[in-house]
Amino acid sequence: HARCITAQVAFGRDMIADIAHRTDWAEQYKRKLDQVARHNQRENSKQRDWTFNPGDRVLLKNDDGVQSKMAPLYSGQYEVIAVRDNGTLVLNKGRYVETIHIRRVIPVKAQRGEACQQVEDL
C-alpha cells in the first residue's frame, strides 16, 4: 500500500519543482472579472434591443409542437397593453389578455423600419 503514496504526500513538497508557489488573489480576482465581462459582452452582442410601448403591434413566436416544421413561426398581430419592469409584456389576444416574456415577441415590420408592401388594386 505504501507504493501508492505520491512524493508530495510522503515528503511534504513537490519533487519536480521545489519552489514555493504564491497566489496573488487580487490579480486572480481581477482576471476573473475581466473574463466574465468579456463573456457577457460576447453573449449579448447579438441581442436585439427593442423597446416596446403600450399600443405597439407585435408578433408572438409559436411554441414548438408536433408538426412544428410546417407550422408558422409567428402568430397574430397583437397589441401591447402594458410593459412590465420584469421583462414581460401584456398582450391583448382578442378574447383574453396574456402575459408574455419579451423574448417571445418581435415588432411588426412597419415598426422595425421596413415599409410593408401594399397590394395595389387591379
PDB file of N, CA and C in Angstrom:
ATOM      1  N   HIS A   1       0.818  -1.198   0.000  1.00  0.00           N
ATOM      2  CA  HIS A   1       0.000   0.000   0.000  1.00  0.00           C
ATOM      3  C   HIS A   1       0.855   1.251   0.000  1.00  0.00           C
ATOM      4  N   ALA A   2       2.079   1.166   0.457  1.00  0.00           N
ATOM      5  CA  ALA A   2       2.965   2.316   0.514  1.00  0.00           C
ATOM      6  C   ALA A   2       3.390   2.753  -0.881  1.00  0.00           C
ATOM      7  N   ARG A   3       3.259   1.897  -1.878  1.00  0.00           N
ATOM      8  CA  ARG A   3       3.662   2.243  -3.241  1.00  0.00           C
ATOM      9  C   ARG A   3       2.756   3.295  -3.861  1.00  0.00           C
ATOM     10  N   CYS A   4       1.539   3.447  -3.378  1.00  0.00           N
ATOM     11  CA  CYS A   4       0.565   4.353  -3.972  1.00  0.00           C
ATOM     12  C   CYS A   4       0.717   5.788  -3.477  1.00  0.00           C
ATOM     13  N   ILE A   5       1.546   6.043  -2.486  1.00  0.00           N
ATOM     14  CA  ILE A   5       1.685   7.382  -1.926  1.00  0.00           C
ATOM     15  C   ILE A   5       2.578   8.208  -2.842  1.00  0.00           C
ATOM     16  N   THR A   6       2.121   9.398  -3.208  1.00  0.00           N
ATOM     17  CA  THR A   6       2.923  10.257  -4.070  1.00  0.00           C
ATOM     18  C   THR A   6       4.022  10.932  -3.269  1.00  0.00           C
ATOM     19  N   ALA A   7       5.002  11.456  -3.972  1.00  0.00           N
ATOM     20  CA  ALA A   7       6.143  12.103  -3.313  1.00  0.00           C
ATOM     21  C   ALA A   7       5.703  13.336  -2.539  1.00  0.00           C
ATOM     22  N   GLN A   8       4.715  14.061  -3.077  1.00  0.00           N
ATOM     23  CA  GLN A   8       4.269  15.273  -2.392  1.00  0.00           C
ATOM     24  C   GLN A   8       3.624  14.932  -1.056  1.00  0.00           C
ATOM     25  N   VAL A   9       2.864  13.867  -0.992  1.00  0.00           N
ATOM     26  CA  VAL A   9       2.243  13.455   0.264  1.00  0.00           C
ATOM     27  C   VAL A   9       3.299  12.876   1.202  1.00  0.00           C
ATOM     28  N   ALA A  10       4.231  12.114   0.664  1.00  0.00           N
ATOM     29  CA  ALA A  10       5.228  11.449   1.504  1.00  0.00           C
ATOM     30  C   ALA A  10       6.239  12.425   2.090  1.00  0.00           C
ATOM     31  N   PHE A  11       6.702  13.389   1.273  1.00  0.00           N
ATOM     32  CA  PHE A  11       7.777  14.268   1.721  1.00  0.00           C
ATOM     33  C   PHE A  11       7.316  15.686   2.034  1.00  0.00           C
ATOM     34  N   GLY A  12       6.059  16.003   1.729  1.00  0.00           N
ATOM     35  CA  GLY A  12       5.540  17.324   2.061  1.00  0.00           C
ATOM     36  C   GLY A  12       5.972  18.414   1.099  1.00  0.00           C
ATOM     37  N   ARG A  13       6.527  18.052  -0.042  1.00  0.00           N
ATOM     38  CA  ARG A  13       6.933  19.053  -1.017  1.00  0.00           C
ATOM     39  C   ARG A  13       6.869  18.433  -2.411  1.00  0.00           C
ATOM     40  N   ASP A  14       6.836  19.291  -3.433  1.00  0.00           N
ATOM     41  CA  ASP A  14       6.808  18.824  -4.809  1.00  0.00           C
ATOM     42  C   ASP A  14       8.221  18.460  -5.222  1.00  0.00           C
ATOM     43  N   MET A  15       8.413  17.266  -5.721  1.00  0.00           N
ATOM     44  CA  MET A  15       9.757  16.800  -6.058  1.00  0.00           C
ATOM     45  C   MET A  15      10.226  17.313  -7.422  1.00  0.00           C
ATOM     46  N   ILE A  16       9.321  17.745  -8.310  1.00  0.00           N
ATOM     47  CA  ILE A  16       9.722  18.211  -9.636  1.00  0.00           C
ATOM     48  C   ILE A  16      10.154  19.671  -9.580  1.00  0.00           C
ATOM     49  N   ALA A  17       9.332  20.521  -9.036  1.00  0.00           N
ATOM     50  CA  ALA A  17       9.655  21.942  -8.932  1.00  0.00           C
ATOM     51  C   ALA A  17       9.551  22.321  -7.463  1.00  0.00           C
ATOM     52  N   ASP A  18      10.663  22.379  -6.812  1.00  0.00           N
ATOM     53  CA  ASP A  18      10.671  22.632  -5.370  1.00  0.00           C
ATOM     54  C   ASP A  18      10.749  24.132  -5.096  1.00  0.00           C
ATOM     55  N   ILE A  19       9.710  24.866  -5.568  1.00  0.00           N
ATOM     56  CA  ILE A  19       9.652  26.296  -5.291  1.00  0.00           C
ATOM     57  C   ILE A  19       8.311  26.587  -4.628  1.00  0.00           C
ATOM     58  N   ALA A  20       8.320  27.584  -3.814  1.00  0.00           N
ATOM     59  CA  ALA A  20       7.086  27.969  -3.126  1.00  0.00           C
ATOM     60  C   ALA A  20       6.198  28.734  -4.106  1.00  0.00           C
ATOM     61  N   HIS A  21       4.962  28.332  -4.207  1.00  0.00           N
ATOM     62  CA  HIS A  21       4.017  28.995  -5.098  1.00  0.00           C
ATOM     63  C   HIS A  21       3.150  29.935  -4.281  1.00  0.00           C
ATOM     64  N   ARG A  22       3.138  31.172  -4.688  1.00  0.00           N
ATOM     65  CA  ARG A  22       2.315  32.164  -4.007  1.00  0.00           C
ATOM     66  C   ARG A  22       1.283  32.680  -5.012  1.00  0.00           C
ATOM     67  N   THR A  23       0.036  32.635  -4.629  1.00  0.00           N
ATOM     68  CA  THR A  23      -1.047  33.094  -5.495  1.00  0.00           C
ATOM     69  C   THR A  23      -1.414  34.514  -5.131  1.00  0.00           C
ATOM     70  N   ASP A  24      -1.451  35.368  -6.135  1.00  0.00           N
ATOM     71  CA  ASP A  24      -1.895  36.745  -5.942  1.00  0.00           C
ATOM     72  C   ASP A  24      -3.413  36.756  -6.147  1.00  0.00           C
ATOM     73  N   TRP A  25      -4.152  36.674  -5.046  1.00  0.00           N
ATOM     74  CA  TRP A  25      -5.602  36.535  -5.128  1.00  0.00           C
ATOM     75  C   TRP A  25      -6.263  37.767  -5.710  1.00  0.00           C
ATOM     76  N   ALA A  26      -5.711  38.949  -5.470  1.00  0.00           N
ATOM     77  CA  ALA A  26      -6.282  40.169  -6.054  1.00  0.00           C
ATOM     78  C   ALA A  26      -6.159  40.129  -7.578  1.00  0.00           C
ATOM     79  N   GLU A  27      -5.016  39.682  -8.076  1.00  0.00           N
ATOM     80  CA  GLU A  27      -4.817  39.561  -9.520  1.00  0.00           C
ATOM     81  C   GLU A  27      -5.734  38.485 -10.105  1.00  0.00           C
ATOM     82  N   GLN A  28      -5.884  37.371  -9.424  1.00  0.00           N
ATOM     83  CA  GLN A  28      -6.783  36.312  -9.891  1.00  0.00           C
ATOM     84  C   GLN A  28      -8.225  36.811  -9.958  1.00  0.00           C
ATOM     85  N   TYR A  29      -8.634  37.584  -8.949  1.00  0.00           N
ATOM     86  CA  TYR A  29      -9.992  38.134  -8.912  1.00  0.00           C
ATOM     87  C   TYR A  29     -10.198  39.102 -10.082  1.00  0.00           C
ATOM     88  N   LYS A  30      -9.214  39.969 -10.343  1.00  0.00           N
ATOM     89  CA  LYS A  30      -9.308  40.922 -11.450  1.00  0.00           C
ATOM     90  C   LYS A  30      -9.385  40.184 -12.788  1.00  0.00           C
ATOM     91  N   ARG A  31      -8.576  39.144 -12.966  1.00  0.00           N
ATOM     92  CA  ARG A  31      -8.610  38.371 -14.202  1.00  0.00           C
ATOM     93  C   ARG A  31      -9.964  37.695 -14.397  1.00  0.00           C
ATOM     94  N   LYS A  32     -10.557  37.200 -13.316  1.00  0.00           N
ATOM     95  CA  LYS A  32     -11.872  36.554 -13.405  1.00  0.00           C
ATOM     96  C   LYS A  32     -12.951  37.569 -13.775  1.00  0.00           C
ATOM     97  N   LEU A  33     -12.886  38.774 -13.184  1.00  0.00           N
ATOM     98  CA  LEU A  33     -13.856  39.814 -13.532  1.00  0.00           C
ATOM     99  C   LEU A  33     -13.731  40.209 -15.002  1.00  0.00           C
ATOM    100  N   ASP A  34     -12.499  40.331 -15.499  1.00  0.00           N
ATOM    101  CA  ASP A  34     -12.292  40.647 -16.910  1.00  0.00           C
ATOM    102  C   ASP A  34     -12.838  39.536 -17.803  1.00  0.00           C
ATOM    103  N   GLN A  35     -12.636  38.294 -17.401  1.00  0.00           N
ATOM    104  CA  GLN A  35     -13.137  37.154 -18.173  1.00  0.00           C
ATOM    105  C   GLN A  35     -14.665  37.168 -18.226  1.00  0.00           C
ATOM    106  N   VAL A  36     -15.307  37.443 -17.105  1.00  0.00           N
ATOM    107  CA  VAL A  36     -16.772  37.493 -17.059  1.00  0.00           C
ATOM    108  C   VAL A  36     -17.288  38.640 -17.918  1.00  0.00           C
ATOM    109  N   ALA A  37     -16.624  39.799 -17.872  1.00  0.00           N
ATOM    110  CA  ALA A  37     -17.049  40.940 -18.680  1.00  0.00           C
ATOM    111  C   ALA A  37     -16.932  40.633 -20.171  1.00  0.00           C
ATOM    112  N   ARG A  38     -15.838  39.994 -20.589  1.00  0.00           N
ATOM    113  CA  ARG A  38     -15.672  39.615 -21.997  1.00  0.00           C
ATOM    114  C   ARG A  38     -16.739  38.603 -22.415  1.00  0.00           C
ATOM    115  N   HIS A  39     -17.016  37.640 -21.544  1.00  0.00           N
ATOM    116  CA  HIS A  39     -18.026  36.621 -21.842  1.00  0.00           C
ATOM    117  C   HIS A  39     -19.412  37.257 -21.985  1.00  0.00           C
ATOM    118  N   ASN A  40     -19.767  38.148 -21.069  1.00  0.00           N
ATOM    119  CA  ASN A  40     -21.070  38.811 -21.139  1.00  0.00           C
ATOM    120  C   ASN A  40     -21.190  39.660 -22.400  1.00  0.00           C
ATOM    121  N   GLN A  41     -20.118  40.356 -22.755  1.00  0.00           N
ATOM    122  CA  GLN A  41     -20.146  41.187 -23.953  1.00  0.00           C
ATOM    123  C   GLN A  41     -20.339  40.322 -25.197  1.00  0.00           C
ATOM    124  N   ARG A  42     -19.671  39.183 -25.258  1.00  0.00           N
ATOM    125  CA  ARG A  42     -19.808  38.279 -26.400  1.00  0.00           C
ATOM    126  C   ARG A  42     -21.215  37.692 -26.471  1.00  0.00           C
ATOM    127  N   GLU A  43     -21.757  37.300 -25.325  1.00  0.00           N
ATOM    128  CA  GLU A  43     -23.096  36.707 -25.304  1.00  0.00           C
ATOM    129  C   GLU A  43     -24.170  37.725 -25.675  1.00  0.00           C
ATOM    130  N   ASN A  44     -23.988  38.978 -25.277  1.00  0.00           N
ATOM    131  CA  ASN A  44     -25.011  39.993 -25.506  1.00  0.00           C
ATOM    132  C   ASN A  44     -24.820  40.752 -26.810  1.00  0.00           C
ATOM    133  N   SER A  45     -23.788  40.435 -27.582  1.00  0.00           N
ATOM    134  CA  SER A  45     -23.512  41.201 -28.795  1.00  0.00           C
ATOM    135  C   SER A  45     -24.609  41.029 -29.844  1.00  0.00           C
ATOM    136  N   LYS A  46     -25.251  39.890 -29.902  1.00  0.00           N
ATOM    137  CA  LYS A  46     -26.288  39.630 -30.904  1.00  0.00           C
ATOM    138  C   LYS A  46     -27.699  39.900 -30.382  1.00  0.00           C
ATOM    139  N   GLN A  47     -27.801  40.377 -29.168  1.00  0.00           N
ATOM    140  CA  GLN A  47     -29.116  40.595 -28.566  1.00  0.00           C
ATOM    141  C   GLN A  47     -29.799  41.784 -29.230  1.00  0.00           C
ATOM    142  N   ARG A  48     -31.046  41.621 -29.564  1.00  0.00           N
ATOM    143  CA  ARG A  48     -31.824  42.704 -30.147  1.00  0.00           C
ATOM    144  C   ARG A  48     -32.291  43.626 -29.029  1.00  0.00           C
ATOM    145  N   ASP A  49     -32.172  44.895 -29.272  1.00  0.00           N
ATOM    146  CA  ASP A  49     -32.547  45.862 -28.244  1.00  0.00           C
ATOM    147  C   ASP A  49     -33.808  46.597 -28.685  1.00  0.00           C
ATOM    148  N   TRP A  50     -34.930  45.909 -28.603  1.00  0.00           N
ATOM    149  CA  TRP A  50     -36.194  46.522 -28.951  1.00  0.00           C
ATOM    150  C   TRP A  50     -36.876  47.014 -27.691  1.00  0.00           C
ATOM    151  N   THR A  51     -37.450  48.173 -27.790  1.00  0.00           N
ATOM    152  CA  THR A  51     -38.245  48.696 -26.679  1.00  0.00           C
ATOM    153  C   THR A  51     -39.693  48.757 -27.154  1.00  0.00           C
ATOM    154  N   PHE A  52     -40.576  48.320 -26.309  1.00  0.00           N
ATOM    155  CA  PHE A  52     -41.989  48.296 -26.645  1.00  0.00           C
ATOM    156  C   PHE A  52     -42.730  49.289 -25.765  1.00  0.00           C
ATOM    157  N   ASN A  53     -43.784  49.854 -26.325  1.00  0.00           N
ATOM    158  CA  ASN A  53     -44.644  50.786 -25.609  1.00  0.00           C
ATOM    159  C   ASN A  53     -46.080  50.294 -25.732  1.00  0.00           C
ATOM    160  N   PRO A  54     -46.931  50.662 -24.788  1.00  0.00           N
ATOM    161  CA  PRO A  54     -48.343  50.297 -24.933  1.00  0.00           C
ATOM    162  C   PRO A  54     -48.895  50.847 -26.245  1.00  0.00           C
ATOM    163  N   GLY A  55     -49.638  50.004 -26.945  1.00  0.00           N
ATOM    164  CA  GLY A  55     -50.198  50.376 -28.233  1.00  0.00           C
ATOM    165  C   GLY A  55     -49.418  49.825 -29.415  1.00  0.00           C
ATOM    166  N   ASP A  56     -48.194  49.356 -29.202  1.00  0.00           N
ATOM    167  CA  ASP A  56     -47.398  48.762 -30.281  1.00  0.00           C
ATOM    168  C   ASP A  56     -48.015  47.440 -30.721  1.00  0.00           C
ATOM    169  N   ARG A  57     -47.781  47.076 -31.980  1.00  0.00           N
ATOM    170  CA  ARG A  57     -48.244  45.804 -32.525  1.00  0.00           C
ATOM    171  C   ARG A  57     -47.052  44.858 -32.601  1.00  0.00           C
ATOM    172  N   VAL A  58     -47.246  43.606 -32.153  1.00  0.00           N
ATOM    173  CA  VAL A  58     -46.160  42.623 -32.127  1.00  0.00           C
ATOM    174  C   VAL A  58     -46.644  41.289 -32.677  1.00  0.00           C
ATOM    175  N   LEU A  59     -45.678  40.448 -33.069  1.00  0.00           N
ATOM    176  CA  LEU A  59     -45.936  39.069 -33.461  1.00  0.00           C
ATOM    177  C   LEU A  59     -45.413  38.169 -32.356  1.00  0.00           C
ATOM    178  N   LEU A  60     -46.150  37.110 -32.046  1.00  0.00           N
ATOM    179  CA  LEU A  60     -45.802  36.190 -30.970  1.00  0.00           C
ATOM    180  C   LEU A  60     -45.212  34.915 -31.550  1.00  0.00           C
ATOM    181  N   LYS A  61     -44.039  34.505 -31.071  1.00  0.00           N
ATOM    182  CA  LYS A  61     -43.393  33.273 -31.537  1.00  0.00           C
ATOM    183  C   LYS A  61     -44.194  32.077 -31.049  1.00  0.00           C
ATOM    184  N   ASN A  62     -44.513  31.172 -31.978  1.00  0.00           N
ATOM    185  CA  ASN A  62     -45.270  29.971 -31.632  1.00  0.00           C
ATOM    186  C   ASN A  62     -44.367  28.952 -30.954  1.00  0.00           C
ATOM    187  N   ASP A  63     -44.926  28.204 -30.030  1.00  0.00           N
ATOM    188  CA  ASP A  63     -44.194  27.126 -29.382  1.00  0.00           C
ATOM    189  C   ASP A  63     -44.026  25.972 -30.356  1.00  0.00           C
ATOM    190  N   ASP A  64     -42.962  25.199 -30.177  1.00  0.00           N
ATOM    191  CA  ASP A  64     -42.761  24.011 -30.997  1.00  0.00           C
ATOM    192  C   ASP A  64     -43.816  22.980 -30.631  1.00  0.00           C
ATOM    193  N   GLY A  65     -44.465  22.451 -31.643  1.00  0.00           N
ATOM    194  CA  GLY A  65     -45.485  21.443 -31.413  1.00  0.00           C
ATOM    195  C   GLY A  65     -45.131  20.159 -32.136  1.00  0.00           C
ATOM    196  N   VAL A  66     -46.133  19.334 -32.366  1.00  0.00           N
ATOM    197  CA  VAL A  66     -45.919  18.057 -33.030  1.00  0.00           C
ATOM    198  C   VAL A  66     -45.500  18.284 -34.484  1.00  0.00           C
ATOM    199  N   GLN A  67     -46.171  19.173 -35.167  1.00  0.00           N
ATOM    200  CA  GLN A  67     -45.870  19.474 -36.567  1.00  0.00           C
ATOM    201  C   GLN A  67     -45.183  20.835 -36.681  1.00  0.00           C
ATOM    202  N   SER A  68     -44.187  21.088 -35.849  1.00  0.00           N
ATOM    203  CA  SER A  68     -43.579  22.412 -35.801  1.00  0.00           C
ATOM    204  C   SER A  68     -42.836  22.766 -37.083  1.00  0.00           C
ATOM    205  N   LYS A  69     -42.428  21.774 -37.851  1.00  0.00           N
ATOM    206  CA  LYS A  69     -41.695  22.039 -39.083  1.00  0.00           C
ATOM    207  C   LYS A  69     -42.570  22.773 -40.101  1.00  0.00           C
ATOM    208  N   MET A  70     -43.836  22.439 -40.129  1.00  0.00           N
ATOM    209  CA  MET A  70     -44.740  23.039 -41.096  1.00  0.00           C
ATOM    210  C   MET A  70     -45.552  24.194 -40.516  1.00  0.00           C
ATOM    211  N   ALA A  71     -45.498  24.391 -39.235  1.00  0.00           N
ATOM    212  CA  ALA A  71     -46.288  25.440 -38.589  1.00  0.00           C
ATOM    213  C   ALA A  71     -45.640  26.802 -38.811  1.00  0.00           C
ATOM    214  N   PRO A  72     -46.441  27.859 -38.830  1.00  0.00           N
ATOM    215  CA  PRO A  72     -45.855  29.198 -38.951  1.00  0.00           C
ATOM    216  C   PRO A  72     -45.028  29.538 -37.708  1.00  0.00           C
ATOM    217  N   LEU A  73     -43.991  30.342 -37.904  1.00  0.00           N
ATOM    218  CA  LEU A  73     -43.113  30.701 -36.790  1.00  0.00           C
ATOM    219  C   LEU A  73     -43.776  31.662 -35.816  1.00  0.00           C
ATOM    220  N   TYR A  74     -44.584  32.581 -36.348  1.00  0.00           N
ATOM    221  CA  TYR A  74     -45.186  33.615 -35.509  1.00  0.00           C
ATOM    222  C   TYR A  74     -46.684  33.650 -35.734  1.00  0.00           C
ATOM    223  N   SER A  75     -47.405  34.120 -34.737  1.00  0.00           N
ATOM    224  CA  SER A  75     -48.854  34.238 -34.852  1.00  0.00           C
ATOM    225  C   SER A  75     -49.274  35.668 -34.564  1.00  0.00           C
ATOM    226  N   GLY A  76     -50.418  36.002 -35.153  1.00  0.00           N
ATOM    227  CA  GLY A  76     -51.122  37.217 -34.849  1.00  0.00           C
ATOM    228  C   GLY A  76     -50.446  38.504 -35.241  1.00  0.00           C
ATOM    229  N   GLN A  77     -51.128  39.506 -34.889  1.00  0.00           N
ATOM    230  CA  GLN A  77     -50.638  40.851 -34.678  1.00  0.00           C
ATOM    231  C   GLN A  77     -51.368  41.238 -33.422  1.00  0.00           C
ATOM    232  N   TYR A  78     -50.651  41.280 -32.334  1.00  0.00           N
ATOM    233  CA  TYR A  78     -51.279  41.565 -31.055  1.00  0.00           C
ATOM    234  C   TYR A  78     -50.852  42.938 -30.572  1.00  0.00           C
ATOM    235  N   GLU A  79     -51.743  43.561 -29.835  1.00  0.00           N
ATOM    236  CA  GLU A  79     -51.464  44.890 -29.294  1.00  0.00           C
ATOM    237  C   GLU A  79     -50.866  44.762 -27.900  1.00  0.00           C
ATOM    238  N   VAL A  80     -49.819  45.526 -27.651  1.00  0.00           N
ATOM    239  CA  VAL A  80     -49.205  45.569 -26.324  1.00  0.00           C
ATOM    240  C   VAL A  80     -50.060  46.473 -25.451  1.00  0.00           C
ATOM    241  N   ILE A  81     -50.532  45.925 -24.324  1.00  0.00           N
ATOM    242  CA  ILE A  81     -51.330  46.709 -23.388  1.00  0.00           C
ATOM    243  C   ILE A  81     -50.443  47.361 -22.340  1.00  0.00           C
ATOM    244  N   ALA A  82     -49.470  46.588 -21.832  1.00  0.00           N
ATOM    245  CA  ALA A  82     -48.593  47.113 -20.781  1.00  0.00           C
ATOM    246  C   ALA A  82     -47.210  46.493 -20.916  1.00  0.00           C
ATOM    247  N   VAL A  83     -46.211  47.246 -20.482  1.00  0.00           N
ATOM    248  CA  VAL A  83     -44.831  46.772 -20.436  1.00  0.00           C
ATOM    249  C   VAL A  83     -44.428  46.750 -18.976  1.00  0.00           C
ATOM    250  N   ARG A  84     -44.022  45.594 -18.492  1.00  0.00           N
ATOM    251  CA  ARG A  84     -43.658  45.457 -17.076  1.00  0.00           C
ATOM    252  C   ARG A  84     -42.145  45.542 -16.908  1.00  0.00           C
ATOM    253  N   ASP A  85     -41.706  45.871 -15.706  1.00  0.00           N
ATOM    254  CA  ASP A  85     -40.279  46.014 -15.416  1.00  0.00           C
ATOM    255  C   ASP A  85     -39.546  44.679 -15.385  1.00  0.00           C
ATOM    256  N   ASN A  86     -40.261  43.578 -15.190  1.00  0.00           N
ATOM    257  CA  ASN A  86     -39.608  42.274 -15.072  1.00  0.00           C
ATOM    258  C   ASN A  86     -39.368  41.600 -16.423  1.00  0.00           C
ATOM    259  N   GLY A  87     -39.501  42.333 -17.530  1.00  0.00           N
ATOM    260  CA  GLY A  87     -39.215  41.773 -18.845  1.00  0.00           C
ATOM    261  C   GLY A  87     -40.392  41.082 -19.496  1.00  0.00           C
ATOM    262  N   THR A  88     -41.602  41.410 -19.088  1.00  0.00           N
ATOM    263  CA  THR A  88     -42.783  40.805 -19.692  1.00  0.00           C
ATOM    264  C   THR A  88     -43.664  41.874 -20.316  1.00  0.00           C
ATOM    265  N   LEU A  89     -44.458  41.437 -21.275  1.00  0.00           N
ATOM    266  CA  LEU A  89     -45.440  42.294 -21.928  1.00  0.00           C
ATOM    267  C   LEU A  89     -46.823  41.717 -21.682  1.00  0.00           C
ATOM    268  N   VAL A  90     -47.810  42.572 -21.588  1.00  0.00           N
ATOM    269  CA  VAL A  90     -49.200  42.139 -21.504  1.00  0.00           C
ATOM    270  C   VAL A  90     -49.804  42.385 -22.880  1.00  0.00           C
ATOM    271  N   LEU A  91     -50.260  41.292 -23.518  1.00  0.00           N
ATOM    272  CA  LEU A  91     -50.797  41.375 -24.872  1.00  0.00           C
ATOM    273  C   LEU A  91     -52.300  41.182 -24.875  1.00  0.00           C
ATOM    274  N   ASN A  92     -52.978  41.938 -25.728  1.00  0.00           N
ATOM    275  CA  ASN A  92     -54.406  41.765 -25.951  1.00  0.00           C
ATOM    276  C   ASN A  92     -54.560  40.749 -27.074  1.00  0.00           C
ATOM    277  N   LYS A  93     -55.079  39.553 -26.738  1.00  0.00           N
ATOM    278  CA  LYS A  93     -55.228  38.492 -27.732  1.00  0.00           C
ATOM    279  C   LYS A  93     -56.688  38.318 -28.158  1.00  0.00           C
ATOM    280  N   GLY A  94     -57.458  39.391 -28.069  1.00  0.00           N
ATOM    281  CA  GLY A  94     -58.849  39.328 -28.500  1.00  0.00           C
ATOM    282  C   GLY A  94     -59.768  38.962 -27.365  1.00  0.00           C
ATOM    283  N   ARG A  95     -59.977  37.660 -27.148  1.00  0.00           N
ATOM    284  CA  ARG A  95     -60.883  37.204 -26.094  1.00  0.00           C
ATOM    285  C   ARG A  95     -60.268  37.306 -24.710  1.00  0.00           C
ATOM    286  N   TYR A  96     -58.958  37.317 -24.621  1.00  0.00           N
ATOM    287  CA  TYR A  96     -58.304  37.346 -23.311  1.00  0.00           C
ATOM    288  C   TYR A  96     -56.992  38.127 -23.400  1.00  0.00           C
ATOM    289  N   VAL A  97     -56.438  38.397 -22.242  1.00  0.00           N
ATOM    290  CA  VAL A  97     -55.171  39.116 -22.108  1.00  0.00           C
ATOM    291  C   VAL A  97     -54.138  38.120 -21.599  1.00  0.00           C
ATOM    292  N   GLU A  98     -52.921  38.153 -22.166  1.00  0.00           N
ATOM    293  CA  GLU A  98     -51.891  37.201 -21.766  1.00  0.00           C
ATOM    294  C   GLU A  98     -50.582  37.930 -21.487  1.00  0.00           C
ATOM    295  N   THR A  99     -49.866  37.463 -20.468  1.00  0.00           N
ATOM    296  CA  THR A  99     -48.551  37.999 -20.142  1.00  0.00           C
ATOM    297  C   THR A  99     -47.497  37.118 -20.810  1.00  0.00           C
ATOM    298  N   ILE A 100     -46.611  37.739 -21.583  1.00  0.00           N
ATOM    299  CA  ILE A 100     -45.619  37.032 -22.394  1.00  0.00           C
ATOM    300  C   ILE A 100     -44.242  37.628 -22.119  1.00  0.00           C
ATOM    301  N   HIS A 101     -43.210  36.774 -22.095  1.00  0.00           N
ATOM    302  CA  HIS A 101     -41.844  37.274 -21.944  1.00  0.00           C
ATOM    303  C   HIS A 101     -41.430  38.015 -23.212  1.00  0.00           C
ATOM    304  N   ILE A 102     -40.643  39.050 -23.037  1.00  0.00           N
ATOM    305  CA  ILE A 102     -40.287  39.941 -24.140  1.00  0.00           C
ATOM    306  C   ILE A 102     -39.485  39.231 -25.233  1.00  0.00           C
ATOM    307  N   ARG A 103     -38.805  38.132 -24.910  1.00  0.00           N
ATOM    308  CA  ARG A 103     -38.024  37.404 -25.913  1.00  0.00           C
ATOM    309  C   ARG A 103     -38.901  36.633 -26.895  1.00  0.00           C
ATOM    310  N   ARG A 104     -40.167  36.437 -26.568  1.00  0.00           N
ATOM    311  CA  ARG A 104     -41.050  35.658 -27.438  1.00  0.00           C
ATOM    312  C   ARG A 104     -41.770  36.512 -28.464  1.00  0.00           C
ATOM    313  N   VAL A 105     -41.529  37.815 -28.499  1.00  0.00           N
ATOM    314  CA  VAL A 105     -42.222  38.687 -29.441  1.00  0.00           C
ATOM    315  C   VAL A 105     -41.220  39.457 -30.289  1.00  0.00           C
ATOM    316  N   ILE A 106     -41.677  39.822 -31.489  1.00  0.00           N
ATOM    317  CA  ILE A 106     -40.919  40.727 -32.342  1.00  0.00           C
ATOM    318  C   ILE A 106     -41.884  41.799 -32.817  1.00  0.00           C
ATOM    319  N   PRO A 107     -41.382  42.990 -33.112  1.00  0.00           N
ATOM    320  CA  PRO A 107     -42.286  44.028 -33.602  1.00  0.00           C
ATOM    321  C   PRO A 107     -42.778  43.711 -35.011  1.00  0.00           C
ATOM    322  N   VAL A 108     -43.923  44.258 -35.351  1.00  0.00           N
ATOM    323  CA  VAL A 108     -44.453  44.128 -36.703  1.00  0.00           C
ATOM    324  C   VAL A 108     -43.513  44.899 -37.625  1.00  0.00           C
ATOM    325  N   LYS A 109     -43.342  44.453 -38.869  1.00  0.00           N
ATOM    326  CA  LYS A 109     -42.333  45.002 -39.774  1.00  0.00           C
ATOM    327  C   LYS A 109     -42.376  46.520 -39.896  1.00  0.00           C
ATOM    328  N   ALA A 110     -43.536  47.110 -39.922  1.00  0.00           N
ATOM    329  CA  ALA A 110     -43.628  48.557 -40.071  1.00  0.00           C
ATOM    330  C   ALA A 110     -42.926  49.262 -38.912  1.00  0.00           C
ATOM    331  N   GLN A 111     -42.872  48.625 -37.745  1.00  0.00           N
ATOM    332  CA  GLN A 111     -42.220  49.240 -36.593  1.00  0.00           C
ATOM    333  C   GLN A 111     -40.724  48.973 -36.586  1.00  0.00           C
ATOM    334  N   ARG A 112     -40.243  48.035 -37.401  1.00  0.00           N
ATOM    335  CA  ARG A 112     -38.818  47.738 -37.461  1.00  0.00           C
ATOM    336  C   ARG A 112     -38.121  48.610 -38.498  1.00  0.00           C
ATOM    337  N   GLY A 113     -38.824  49.552 -39.090  1.00  0.00           N
ATOM    338  CA  GLY A 113     -38.208  50.435 -40.053  1.00  0.00           C
ATOM    339  C   GLY A 113     -38.350  49.971 -41.486  1.00  0.00           C
ATOM    340  N   GLU A 114     -38.981  48.850 -41.711  1.00  0.00           N
ATOM    341  CA  GLU A 114     -39.174  48.341 -43.059  1.00  0.00           C
ATOM    342  C   GLU A 114     -40.615  48.625 -43.480  1.00  0.00           C
ATOM    343  N   ALA A 115     -40.753  49.269 -44.609  1.00  0.00           N
ATOM    344  CA  ALA A 115     -42.092  49.582 -45.082  1.00  0.00           C
ATOM    345  C   ALA A 115     -42.779  48.309 -45.560  1.00  0.00           C
ATOM    346  N   CYS A 116     -44.013  48.133 -45.152  1.00  0.00           N
ATOM    347  CA  CYS A 116     -44.781  46.975 -45.604  1.00  0.00           C
ATOM    348  C   CYS A 116     -45.244  47.230 -47.039  1.00  0.00           C
ATOM    349  N   GLN A 117     -45.184  46.219 -47.871  1.00  0.00           N
ATOM    350  CA  GLN A 117     -45.639  46.354 -49.247  1.00  0.00           C
ATOM    351  C   GLN A 117     -47.157  46.269 -49.270  1.00  0.00           C
ATOM    352  N   GLN A 118     -47.756  47.202 -49.986  1.00  0.00           N
ATOM    353  CA  GLN A 118     -49.205  47.193 -50.100  1.00  0.00           C
ATOM    354  C   GLN A 118     -49.580  46.726 -51.501  1.00  0.00           C
ATOM    355  N   VAL A 119     -50.584  45.878 -51.568  1.00  0.00           N
ATOM    356  CA  VAL A 119     -51.053  45.360 -52.851  1.00  0.00           C
ATOM    357  C   VAL A 119     -51.936  46.419 -53.494  1.00  0.00           C
ATOM    358  N   GLU A 120     -51.606  46.749 -54.739  1.00  0.00           N
ATOM    359  CA  GLU A 120     -52.406  47.748 -55.447  1.00  0.00           C
ATOM    360  C   GLU A 120     -53.622  47.069 -56.072  1.00  0.00           C
ATOM    361  N   ASP A 121     -54.723  47.790 -56.064  1.00  0.00           N
ATOM    362  CA  ASP A 121     -55.946  47.258 -56.680  1.00  0.00           C
ATOM    363  C   ASP A 121     -55.769  47.221 -58.195  1.00  0.00           C
ATOM    364  N   LEU A 122     -56.178  46.124 -58.809  1.00  0.00           N
ATOM    365  CA  LEU A 122     -56.064  45.993 -60.265  1.00  0.00           C
ATOM    366  C   LEU A 122     -57.255  46.539 -60.963  1.00  0.00           C
TER     367      LEU A 122
END
